[in-house]
N, C-alpha and C. Protein backbone atom coordinates (compact mmCIF):
# COMPACT_ATOMS: atom_id res chain seq x y z
N MET A 1 76.69 -21.08 -49.25
CA MET A 1 75.78 -20.34 -49.24
C MET A 1 74.68 -20.86 -47.69
N THR A 2 74.28 -19.79 -46.84
CA THR A 2 73.71 -20.57 -45.54
C THR A 2 72.18 -20.76 -45.67
N PRO A 3 71.81 -21.31 -45.32
CA PRO A 3 70.44 -22.11 -45.05
C PRO A 3 69.62 -21.32 -44.22
N ALA A 4 68.48 -20.65 -44.73
CA ALA A 4 67.26 -19.93 -44.77
C ALA A 4 67.23 -20.27 -42.80
N PRO A 5 67.01 -19.55 -42.27
CA PRO A 5 66.74 -19.27 -40.62
C PRO A 5 65.30 -20.12 -40.71
N VAL A 6 64.77 -21.12 -40.01
CA VAL A 6 63.95 -21.76 -39.08
C VAL A 6 63.26 -21.29 -38.44
N LYS A 7 61.92 -21.02 -39.06
CA LYS A 7 60.90 -20.09 -38.43
C LYS A 7 60.24 -21.14 -37.24
N THR A 8 60.00 -19.88 -36.48
CA THR A 8 59.01 -21.05 -35.13
C THR A 8 57.91 -20.47 -34.86
N PRO A 9 56.12 -21.05 -35.41
CA PRO A 9 55.50 -20.26 -35.79
C PRO A 9 55.18 -20.37 -34.20
N ARG A 10 54.82 -19.27 -34.45
CA ARG A 10 54.14 -18.57 -32.66
C ARG A 10 52.29 -19.24 -32.48
N LEU A 11 52.38 -19.94 -31.61
CA LEU A 11 51.50 -20.80 -30.94
C LEU A 11 50.20 -19.69 -30.41
N THR A 12 49.65 -20.20 -30.78
CA THR A 12 48.22 -19.22 -29.68
C THR A 12 47.67 -20.23 -28.85
N PRO A 13 47.26 -20.09 -27.72
CA PRO A 13 46.51 -20.86 -27.17
C PRO A 13 44.89 -21.68 -27.52
N GLU A 14 45.38 -23.14 -27.20
CA GLU A 14 43.76 -23.46 -28.53
C GLU A 14 42.86 -23.14 -27.04
N VAL A 15 41.56 -22.86 -27.58
CA VAL A 15 40.58 -22.51 -27.28
C VAL A 15 39.72 -23.96 -27.07
N ARG A 16 39.25 -24.67 -26.03
CA ARG A 16 38.89 -26.11 -25.39
C ARG A 16 37.50 -25.49 -24.87
N PRO A 17 36.46 -26.64 -25.53
CA PRO A 17 34.92 -26.44 -24.78
C PRO A 17 35.14 -26.55 -23.01
N THR A 18 34.69 -26.09 -22.34
CA THR A 18 34.69 -26.04 -20.74
C THR A 18 33.87 -27.31 -20.33
N ALA A 19 32.86 -27.81 -21.51
CA ALA A 19 31.85 -29.26 -20.71
C ALA A 19 32.32 -30.29 -20.98
N ALA A 20 32.22 -30.95 -20.04
CA ALA A 20 32.77 -32.20 -19.79
C ALA A 20 31.23 -33.16 -20.69
N LEU A 21 31.52 -34.01 -21.25
CA LEU A 21 30.75 -35.20 -21.78
C LEU A 21 29.89 -35.75 -20.58
N GLN A 22 28.66 -35.70 -20.89
CA GLN A 22 27.99 -36.26 -19.64
C GLN A 22 27.27 -38.16 -20.57
N LEU A 23 27.30 -39.05 -19.63
CA LEU A 23 27.43 -40.31 -20.00
C LEU A 23 26.01 -40.96 -19.38
N TYR A 24 25.20 -41.36 -19.53
CA TYR A 24 23.27 -42.04 -19.04
C TYR A 24 23.15 -43.18 -20.00
N LEU A 25 22.89 -44.01 -19.15
CA LEU A 25 22.33 -45.31 -19.30
C LEU A 25 21.02 -45.85 -18.46
N GLU A 26 19.93 -46.02 -19.01
CA GLU A 26 18.60 -46.20 -18.58
C GLU A 26 17.99 -47.24 -20.24
N THR A 27 17.21 -48.12 -19.07
CA THR A 27 16.16 -48.87 -19.27
C THR A 27 15.03 -48.78 -19.27
N ILE A 28 14.38 -49.09 -20.59
CA ILE A 28 12.71 -49.06 -20.85
C ILE A 28 12.03 -50.23 -20.53
N ILE A 29 11.04 -50.67 -19.82
CA ILE A 29 10.65 -51.62 -20.20
C ILE A 29 9.19 -51.45 -20.99
N TYR A 30 9.14 -52.37 -22.05
CA TYR A 30 7.33 -52.36 -22.71
C TYR A 30 6.96 -53.52 -22.53
N ARG A 31 5.58 -53.78 -22.39
CA ARG A 31 5.15 -54.45 -22.33
C ARG A 31 3.59 -55.08 -23.70
N THR A 32 4.38 -55.89 -24.39
CA THR A 32 3.18 -56.09 -26.15
C THR A 32 2.24 -56.72 -25.71
N ARG A 33 1.53 -56.04 -26.57
CA ARG A 33 0.38 -56.92 -26.29
C ARG A 33 -0.21 -57.68 -27.77
N GLU A 34 0.71 -57.72 -28.84
CA GLU A 34 0.32 -58.59 -30.12
C GLU A 34 1.54 -59.49 -30.11
N ARG A 35 1.66 -60.56 -31.09
CA ARG A 35 2.50 -61.21 -31.54
C ARG A 35 3.77 -60.24 -32.31
N LEU A 36 3.29 -59.40 -33.03
CA LEU A 36 3.85 -59.21 -34.08
C LEU A 36 3.08 -56.89 -33.96
N GLU A 37 3.74 -55.98 -33.73
CA GLU A 37 3.43 -54.73 -32.53
C GLU A 37 4.49 -54.26 -33.10
N LEU A 38 4.11 -52.74 -33.37
CA LEU A 38 5.20 -51.71 -34.13
C LEU A 38 4.72 -50.57 -32.68
N ILE A 39 5.85 -50.34 -32.00
CA ILE A 39 5.88 -48.93 -31.20
C ILE A 39 6.03 -48.20 -30.85
N ASN A 40 5.81 -46.59 -31.18
CA ASN A 40 6.35 -45.99 -31.72
C ASN A 40 7.26 -45.13 -30.44
N ILE A 41 8.49 -45.46 -29.83
CA ILE A 41 9.35 -45.47 -28.59
C ILE A 41 9.70 -43.73 -29.01
N THR A 42 9.57 -43.00 -29.47
CA THR A 42 10.31 -41.76 -29.67
C THR A 42 9.93 -40.64 -28.36
N ARG A 43 8.92 -40.80 -28.30
CA ARG A 43 8.36 -39.54 -27.05
C ARG A 43 9.25 -39.81 -26.09
N ASP A 44 9.65 -41.18 -25.98
CA ASP A 44 10.30 -42.11 -24.99
C ASP A 44 11.44 -41.61 -24.88
N LEU A 45 12.40 -41.83 -25.52
CA LEU A 45 13.95 -41.00 -26.32
C LEU A 45 13.83 -39.71 -25.72
N ASN A 46 12.70 -39.14 -26.37
CA ASN A 46 13.05 -37.20 -26.19
C ASN A 46 12.82 -36.87 -24.60
N GLU A 47 12.00 -38.33 -23.45
CA GLU A 47 11.58 -37.59 -22.40
C GLU A 47 13.39 -37.68 -21.65
N ILE A 48 13.92 -39.05 -21.75
CA ILE A 48 14.99 -39.23 -21.73
C ILE A 48 15.84 -38.35 -21.83
N VAL A 49 16.25 -37.53 -23.18
CA VAL A 49 17.25 -36.54 -23.08
C VAL A 49 16.63 -35.17 -22.13
N ARG A 50 15.41 -35.01 -22.34
CA ARG A 50 15.16 -33.59 -21.21
C ARG A 50 15.85 -33.97 -20.32
N LYS A 51 15.22 -35.30 -19.58
CA LYS A 51 15.16 -35.46 -17.90
C LYS A 51 17.01 -34.84 -17.55
N HIS A 52 17.73 -35.85 -18.63
CA HIS A 52 19.43 -35.32 -18.48
C HIS A 52 19.44 -33.16 -18.92
N GLY A 53 18.78 -33.28 -19.27
CA GLY A 53 19.18 -31.78 -19.59
C GLY A 53 20.25 -31.78 -20.90
N LEU A 54 20.67 -32.60 -21.77
CA LEU A 54 21.12 -32.89 -22.73
C LEU A 54 21.18 -31.78 -23.88
N LYS A 55 22.04 -30.85 -24.45
CA LYS A 55 21.93 -30.06 -25.27
C LYS A 55 22.12 -30.60 -26.75
N ALA A 56 23.41 -31.10 -26.60
CA ALA A 56 23.54 -32.07 -27.76
C ALA A 56 24.75 -32.99 -27.17
N GLY A 57 24.57 -33.95 -28.79
CA GLY A 57 25.46 -34.90 -28.77
C GLY A 57 24.64 -36.38 -29.20
N PHE A 58 24.28 -37.39 -28.49
CA PHE A 58 23.89 -38.42 -29.54
C PHE A 58 23.25 -40.20 -28.42
N VAL A 59 22.70 -40.14 -28.92
CA VAL A 59 21.59 -41.69 -28.65
C VAL A 59 21.75 -42.68 -29.19
N ILE A 60 22.43 -43.61 -27.78
CA ILE A 60 22.21 -45.44 -28.79
C ILE A 60 20.99 -46.13 -28.33
N VAL A 61 19.75 -46.60 -29.08
CA VAL A 61 19.30 -47.59 -28.58
C VAL A 61 19.01 -48.78 -29.44
N GLN A 62 19.42 -49.47 -28.50
CA GLN A 62 19.24 -51.20 -28.25
C GLN A 62 18.26 -51.98 -27.59
N SER A 63 17.88 -52.59 -28.61
CA SER A 63 16.73 -54.22 -28.40
C SER A 63 17.42 -54.79 -27.39
N LEU A 64 17.28 -55.14 -26.35
CA LEU A 64 18.09 -56.31 -25.61
C LEU A 64 17.30 -58.28 -26.13
N HIS A 65 16.68 -57.77 -26.75
CA HIS A 65 16.10 -59.08 -26.89
C HIS A 65 16.70 -59.79 -28.45
N THR A 66 16.43 -61.01 -28.77
CA THR A 66 16.94 -61.37 -30.27
C THR A 66 15.72 -61.41 -31.24
N THR A 67 14.43 -61.51 -30.72
CA THR A 67 13.06 -61.36 -31.05
C THR A 67 12.68 -59.98 -31.53
N THR A 68 13.32 -58.98 -30.74
CA THR A 68 12.95 -57.50 -31.49
C THR A 68 13.45 -56.84 -31.97
N ALA A 69 13.41 -55.60 -32.77
CA ALA A 69 13.95 -54.91 -33.24
C ALA A 69 13.78 -53.21 -33.24
N VAL A 70 15.24 -52.56 -33.34
CA VAL A 70 14.88 -51.15 -33.70
C VAL A 70 14.57 -50.84 -34.56
N PHE A 71 14.23 -49.38 -35.52
CA PHE A 71 14.17 -49.05 -37.17
C PHE A 71 13.48 -47.31 -36.88
N ILE A 72 13.91 -46.64 -37.84
CA ILE A 72 13.42 -45.69 -38.34
C ILE A 72 12.82 -45.90 -38.99
N ASN A 73 11.28 -45.13 -38.89
CA ASN A 73 9.96 -44.68 -40.36
C ASN A 73 9.51 -44.09 -39.78
N GLU A 74 8.21 -43.84 -40.67
CA GLU A 74 7.18 -42.95 -40.81
C GLU A 74 6.15 -43.86 -39.47
N PHE A 75 5.79 -43.54 -38.47
CA PHE A 75 4.54 -43.97 -37.91
C PHE A 75 2.91 -43.57 -38.51
N GLN A 76 2.80 -44.48 -39.56
CA GLN A 76 1.53 -44.28 -39.91
C GLN A 76 0.56 -45.52 -39.96
N GLN A 77 -0.59 -45.51 -39.68
CA GLN A 77 -1.31 -46.54 -39.77
C GLN A 77 -0.93 -47.83 -41.31
N ALA A 78 -1.13 -46.99 -42.47
CA ALA A 78 -1.34 -47.32 -43.45
C ALA A 78 0.46 -47.98 -43.68
N LEU A 79 0.83 -47.43 -43.24
CA LEU A 79 2.22 -47.90 -43.51
C LEU A 79 2.61 -48.36 -42.10
N LEU A 80 1.97 -48.80 -41.40
CA LEU A 80 2.86 -49.48 -40.22
C LEU A 80 1.89 -51.16 -40.44
N ASP A 81 0.58 -50.88 -41.09
CA ASP A 81 0.03 -52.19 -41.68
C ASP A 81 1.05 -52.86 -42.96
N ASP A 82 1.45 -51.94 -43.73
CA ASP A 82 2.28 -52.72 -44.71
C ASP A 82 4.14 -52.69 -44.11
N ILE A 83 4.18 -52.10 -43.62
CA ILE A 83 5.53 -53.06 -42.23
C ILE A 83 5.26 -54.54 -42.51
N LYS A 84 4.21 -54.81 -41.43
CA LYS A 84 3.82 -56.27 -41.17
C LYS A 84 3.74 -56.93 -42.25
N ALA A 85 2.76 -56.72 -43.37
CA ALA A 85 2.78 -57.22 -44.48
C ALA A 85 4.03 -57.91 -45.11
N PHE A 86 5.17 -56.90 -44.72
CA PHE A 86 6.23 -57.08 -45.63
C PHE A 86 7.06 -57.89 -44.74
N LEU A 87 6.82 -58.44 -43.56
CA LEU A 87 7.80 -58.72 -43.08
C LEU A 87 7.17 -60.36 -42.73
N GLU A 88 6.17 -60.62 -43.09
CA GLU A 88 5.27 -61.38 -43.20
C GLU A 88 5.68 -62.05 -44.07
N LYS A 89 5.59 -61.19 -45.53
CA LYS A 89 5.82 -62.43 -46.79
C LYS A 89 7.24 -62.48 -46.98
N LEU A 90 8.49 -61.29 -46.45
CA LEU A 90 10.00 -61.71 -46.46
C LEU A 90 10.00 -62.85 -45.32
N VAL A 91 9.68 -63.39 -44.47
CA VAL A 91 9.99 -64.26 -43.53
C VAL A 91 8.71 -65.01 -43.00
N GLY A 92 8.05 -65.97 -44.01
CA GLY A 92 6.83 -66.43 -43.52
C GLY A 92 6.62 -67.46 -42.12
N ARG A 93 5.67 -67.29 -41.17
CA ARG A 93 6.04 -68.17 -39.86
C ARG A 93 5.46 -69.13 -40.59
N ILE A 94 4.90 -69.78 -41.03
CA ILE A 94 4.19 -71.22 -41.87
C ILE A 94 5.71 -71.82 -41.99
N GLU A 95 6.78 -71.19 -42.84
CA GLU A 95 7.47 -71.93 -43.34
C GLU A 95 8.13 -72.85 -42.72
N TYR A 96 9.21 -74.08 -43.13
CA TYR A 96 9.64 -74.75 -42.44
C TYR A 96 11.10 -73.84 -41.80
N TRP A 97 11.24 -73.82 -40.94
CA TRP A 97 12.85 -73.81 -39.84
C TRP A 97 13.03 -74.58 -39.19
N ARG A 98 14.48 -74.72 -39.26
CA ARG A 98 15.00 -75.53 -38.50
C ARG A 98 14.99 -75.24 -37.11
N HIS A 99 14.82 -74.15 -36.65
CA HIS A 99 15.28 -73.19 -35.35
C HIS A 99 13.81 -73.92 -34.66
N ASN A 100 12.74 -74.59 -35.67
CA ASN A 100 11.69 -74.71 -34.80
C ASN A 100 11.39 -76.44 -34.85
N ASP A 101 12.11 -76.85 -34.86
CA ASP A 101 11.97 -78.43 -35.32
C ASP A 101 12.53 -78.91 -34.61
N PRO A 102 11.84 -79.97 -33.25
CA PRO A 102 12.05 -79.95 -31.93
C PRO A 102 13.08 -80.84 -32.54
N ARG A 103 13.48 -81.67 -33.17
CA ARG A 103 14.34 -82.63 -33.45
C ARG A 103 15.45 -82.00 -33.62
N LEU A 104 16.01 -80.78 -34.23
CA LEU A 104 17.02 -80.09 -34.21
C LEU A 104 17.50 -79.02 -32.93
N SER A 105 16.00 -78.56 -32.34
CA SER A 105 16.42 -76.92 -31.69
C SER A 105 15.56 -77.45 -30.26
N GLU A 106 15.77 -77.00 -29.25
CA GLU A 106 15.58 -76.94 -27.80
C GLU A 106 14.84 -75.90 -27.68
N CYS A 107 13.97 -75.15 -28.56
CA CYS A 107 13.33 -73.72 -28.57
C CYS A 107 11.86 -74.57 -28.67
N ASP A 108 10.96 -74.02 -27.53
CA ASP A 108 9.46 -74.74 -27.88
C ASP A 108 8.22 -73.13 -28.26
N ARG A 109 9.19 -72.24 -28.28
CA ARG A 109 8.15 -71.26 -28.91
C ARG A 109 8.15 -70.48 -30.02
N LYS A 110 8.96 -71.51 -31.17
CA LYS A 110 8.73 -71.76 -32.34
C LYS A 110 8.59 -70.51 -33.48
N ASN A 111 9.47 -69.62 -33.08
CA ASN A 111 10.06 -68.45 -33.67
C ASN A 111 10.87 -68.08 -34.81
N ALA A 112 11.68 -68.40 -34.78
CA ALA A 112 12.42 -68.65 -35.54
C ALA A 112 12.32 -67.46 -36.86
N ASP A 113 11.00 -67.22 -37.24
CA ASP A 113 10.00 -66.36 -38.11
C ASP A 113 11.00 -64.62 -37.28
N SER A 114 10.59 -64.89 -36.12
CA SER A 114 11.27 -63.40 -35.28
C SER A 114 12.45 -63.36 -35.34
N HIS A 115 13.54 -64.33 -35.13
CA HIS A 115 14.34 -64.05 -35.46
C HIS A 115 15.25 -63.66 -35.94
N LEU A 116 14.60 -64.28 -37.60
CA LEU A 116 15.12 -63.66 -38.87
C LEU A 116 14.83 -62.41 -39.55
N ARG A 117 13.16 -61.81 -38.93
CA ARG A 117 12.58 -60.75 -38.89
C ARG A 117 13.88 -59.77 -38.00
N ALA A 118 13.74 -59.71 -37.21
CA ALA A 118 14.82 -58.87 -36.56
C ALA A 118 16.40 -58.80 -37.24
N MET A 119 16.79 -59.97 -37.64
CA MET A 119 17.95 -59.62 -38.14
C MET A 119 18.25 -58.78 -39.02
N VAL A 120 16.51 -58.60 -39.93
CA VAL A 120 17.00 -57.93 -41.46
C VAL A 120 16.54 -56.37 -40.60
N LEU A 121 15.58 -55.99 -39.82
CA LEU A 121 15.93 -54.58 -38.89
C LEU A 121 16.47 -54.11 -38.15
N GLY A 122 17.30 -54.71 -37.52
CA GLY A 122 18.24 -54.57 -36.30
C GLY A 122 17.91 -54.38 -35.77
N HIS A 123 19.20 -54.34 -34.16
CA HIS A 123 18.69 -54.03 -33.11
C HIS A 123 19.31 -53.10 -32.24
N THR A 124 20.11 -52.38 -32.91
CA THR A 124 20.23 -50.84 -32.92
C THR A 124 20.15 -49.81 -33.48
N ILE A 125 19.97 -48.21 -33.29
CA ILE A 125 20.50 -47.83 -34.05
C ILE A 125 20.26 -46.57 -32.54
N SER A 126 21.34 -45.30 -34.06
CA SER A 126 22.05 -44.28 -32.93
C SER A 126 21.50 -43.12 -33.80
N LEU A 127 21.49 -41.93 -32.78
CA LEU A 127 20.63 -40.98 -33.03
C LEU A 127 21.40 -39.25 -33.12
N PRO A 128 21.72 -38.26 -33.25
CA PRO A 128 22.23 -37.42 -32.79
C PRO A 128 21.23 -36.33 -31.75
N VAL A 129 21.74 -35.97 -31.12
CA VAL A 129 20.82 -34.87 -30.60
C VAL A 129 21.21 -33.41 -30.33
N ARG A 130 20.24 -32.74 -31.25
CA ARG A 130 20.46 -31.57 -31.15
C ARG A 130 19.42 -30.56 -30.76
N ASN A 131 20.09 -29.39 -29.91
CA ASN A 131 18.73 -28.58 -29.04
C ASN A 131 18.14 -29.02 -28.55
N GLY A 132 18.75 -30.36 -27.60
CA GLY A 132 18.21 -30.64 -26.71
C GLY A 132 16.81 -32.13 -26.99
N ALA A 133 17.19 -32.22 -28.41
CA ALA A 133 16.01 -33.86 -28.72
C ALA A 133 16.36 -34.12 -29.49
N LEU A 134 15.90 -35.31 -30.21
CA LEU A 134 16.46 -36.06 -30.87
C LEU A 134 16.58 -35.92 -32.38
N ALA A 135 17.61 -35.66 -33.15
CA ALA A 135 17.49 -35.39 -34.69
C ALA A 135 16.66 -35.53 -35.46
N LEU A 136 15.96 -36.06 -35.77
CA LEU A 136 14.75 -36.96 -36.78
C LEU A 136 14.46 -36.35 -37.87
N GLY A 137 14.03 -36.39 -39.02
CA GLY A 137 13.36 -35.69 -40.09
C GLY A 137 12.27 -35.54 -39.50
N ASN A 138 11.38 -34.64 -40.29
CA ASN A 138 9.68 -34.38 -40.13
C ASN A 138 8.58 -35.59 -39.72
N TRP A 139 9.02 -36.64 -40.63
CA TRP A 139 8.17 -37.78 -40.60
C TRP A 139 8.48 -39.08 -39.47
N GLN A 140 9.98 -38.52 -39.19
CA GLN A 140 10.55 -39.94 -38.86
C GLN A 140 10.09 -40.01 -36.77
N SER A 141 10.00 -41.20 -36.95
CA SER A 141 9.70 -41.85 -35.69
C SER A 141 10.61 -43.14 -35.50
N VAL A 142 11.10 -43.37 -34.15
CA VAL A 142 11.87 -44.52 -33.40
C VAL A 142 10.54 -45.43 -33.54
N ILE A 143 11.25 -46.44 -33.97
CA ILE A 143 10.12 -47.52 -33.81
C ILE A 143 10.61 -48.76 -33.40
N LEU A 144 9.80 -49.57 -32.31
CA LEU A 144 10.18 -51.33 -31.18
C LEU A 144 9.46 -52.08 -32.33
N ALA A 145 9.91 -53.31 -32.87
CA ALA A 145 9.16 -54.33 -33.40
C ALA A 145 8.69 -55.26 -32.54
N GLU A 146 8.24 -56.06 -31.51
CA GLU A 146 7.66 -56.81 -31.41
C GLU A 146 7.41 -57.65 -32.44
N LEU A 147 7.80 -58.98 -32.35
CA LEU A 147 8.47 -59.95 -33.31
C LEU A 147 8.27 -61.34 -33.06
N ASP A 148 7.28 -61.45 -31.55
CA ASP A 148 7.26 -62.57 -31.09
C ASP A 148 6.43 -62.87 -29.49
N GLY A 149 5.41 -61.58 -29.72
CA GLY A 149 4.39 -61.39 -28.28
C GLY A 149 3.37 -62.11 -28.12
N PRO A 150 2.83 -62.12 -27.07
CA PRO A 150 2.97 -60.34 -26.18
C PRO A 150 4.03 -60.97 -25.54
N ARG A 151 4.83 -60.36 -24.86
CA ARG A 151 5.62 -60.07 -23.92
C ARG A 151 6.25 -59.05 -23.15
N GLU A 152 7.22 -58.91 -21.92
CA GLU A 152 8.02 -57.77 -21.50
C GLU A 152 9.91 -57.25 -22.31
N ARG A 153 8.74 -56.71 -22.18
CA ARG A 153 10.64 -56.63 -23.80
C ARG A 153 11.34 -54.84 -22.71
N ALA A 154 12.72 -54.95 -23.31
CA ALA A 154 13.53 -53.96 -22.74
C ALA A 154 14.34 -53.29 -23.84
N VAL A 155 14.52 -52.02 -23.83
CA VAL A 155 15.19 -51.49 -24.46
C VAL A 155 16.18 -50.87 -23.66
N GLN A 156 17.39 -50.79 -24.10
CA GLN A 156 18.58 -49.92 -23.64
C GLN A 156 19.01 -48.29 -24.30
N ILE A 157 19.09 -47.46 -23.03
CA ILE A 157 19.19 -46.12 -24.26
C ILE A 157 20.12 -45.44 -23.43
N GLN A 158 21.39 -45.36 -24.09
CA GLN A 158 22.62 -44.57 -23.47
C GLN A 158 22.94 -43.71 -24.18
N VAL A 159 22.92 -42.61 -23.28
CA VAL A 159 23.12 -40.85 -23.85
C VAL A 159 23.91 -40.46 -23.73
N LEU A 160 24.99 -39.83 -24.67
CA LEU A 160 25.72 -39.27 -24.00
C LEU A 160 25.98 -38.00 -24.87
N GLY A 161 25.91 -36.58 -23.99
CA GLY A 161 26.51 -35.52 -24.23
C GLY A 161 26.80 -34.44 -23.50
N VAL A 162 26.53 -33.16 -23.79
CA VAL A 162 26.66 -31.93 -23.23
C VAL A 162 24.98 -31.50 -22.99
N PRO A 163 25.60 -31.14 -21.56
CA PRO A 163 24.74 -30.51 -20.81
C PRO A 163 24.08 -28.73 -21.49
N GLU A 164 22.71 -28.57 -21.05
CA GLU A 164 22.30 -26.96 -21.69
C GLU A 164 22.70 -26.50 -21.00
N ASP A 165 23.43 -26.27 -20.22
CA ASP A 165 24.15 -24.88 -19.31
C ASP A 165 25.65 -24.75 -19.74
N ALA A 166 25.68 -26.34 -20.61
CA ALA A 166 27.29 -26.05 -20.35
C ALA A 166 27.75 -25.34 -21.84
N THR A 167 26.84 -25.28 -22.99
CA THR A 167 26.65 -25.22 -24.40
C THR A 167 25.93 -23.90 -24.23
N LYS A 168 26.14 -23.12 -23.14
CA LYS A 168 25.36 -21.85 -22.79
C LYS A 168 27.00 -20.58 -22.58
N ARG A 169 27.89 -21.20 -21.71
CA ARG A 169 29.19 -20.90 -21.85
C ARG A 169 29.73 -20.75 -22.48
N GLU A 170 29.94 -21.24 -23.24
CA GLU A 170 30.07 -21.47 -24.71
C GLU A 170 30.95 -20.34 -25.51
N LYS A 171 29.35 -20.32 -25.53
CA LYS A 171 29.14 -19.48 -26.99
C LYS A 171 30.08 -18.16 -26.50
């Protein structure tokens, strides 16, 4: 019995997108007014996406401080008040923390609660970009949490995506 001939599949050229990914890095500085403050930064992030003309991709948002955080939630005043109360209950400011003890730490800000709250909320989020804007749910906003203000705070935004004109060529 002779072996069956091996068929070589016919290869068709692979269709590849012609658009190259573009990468941008920006830093926004916020000057806060309160020790515990929640700031809606969604508009600023969408402005960066529009400025660079990206149609699709993603955005990475990172707080550059150990006592600030970024997270997603609804930006509604009663809920913001609840978030602040929750953080106060979760990590009390007046509790004993070693970081605040001058015998154990050289930090004079007495801000251990701020560090711990930031650790719970997180320092980085990533978001998809769809149709030239952040792909957020109807009630979702990106919120910067100042946990040890008032101070000047830096948020780094890295945008990676395909520009609007490139997505039109691919269709």
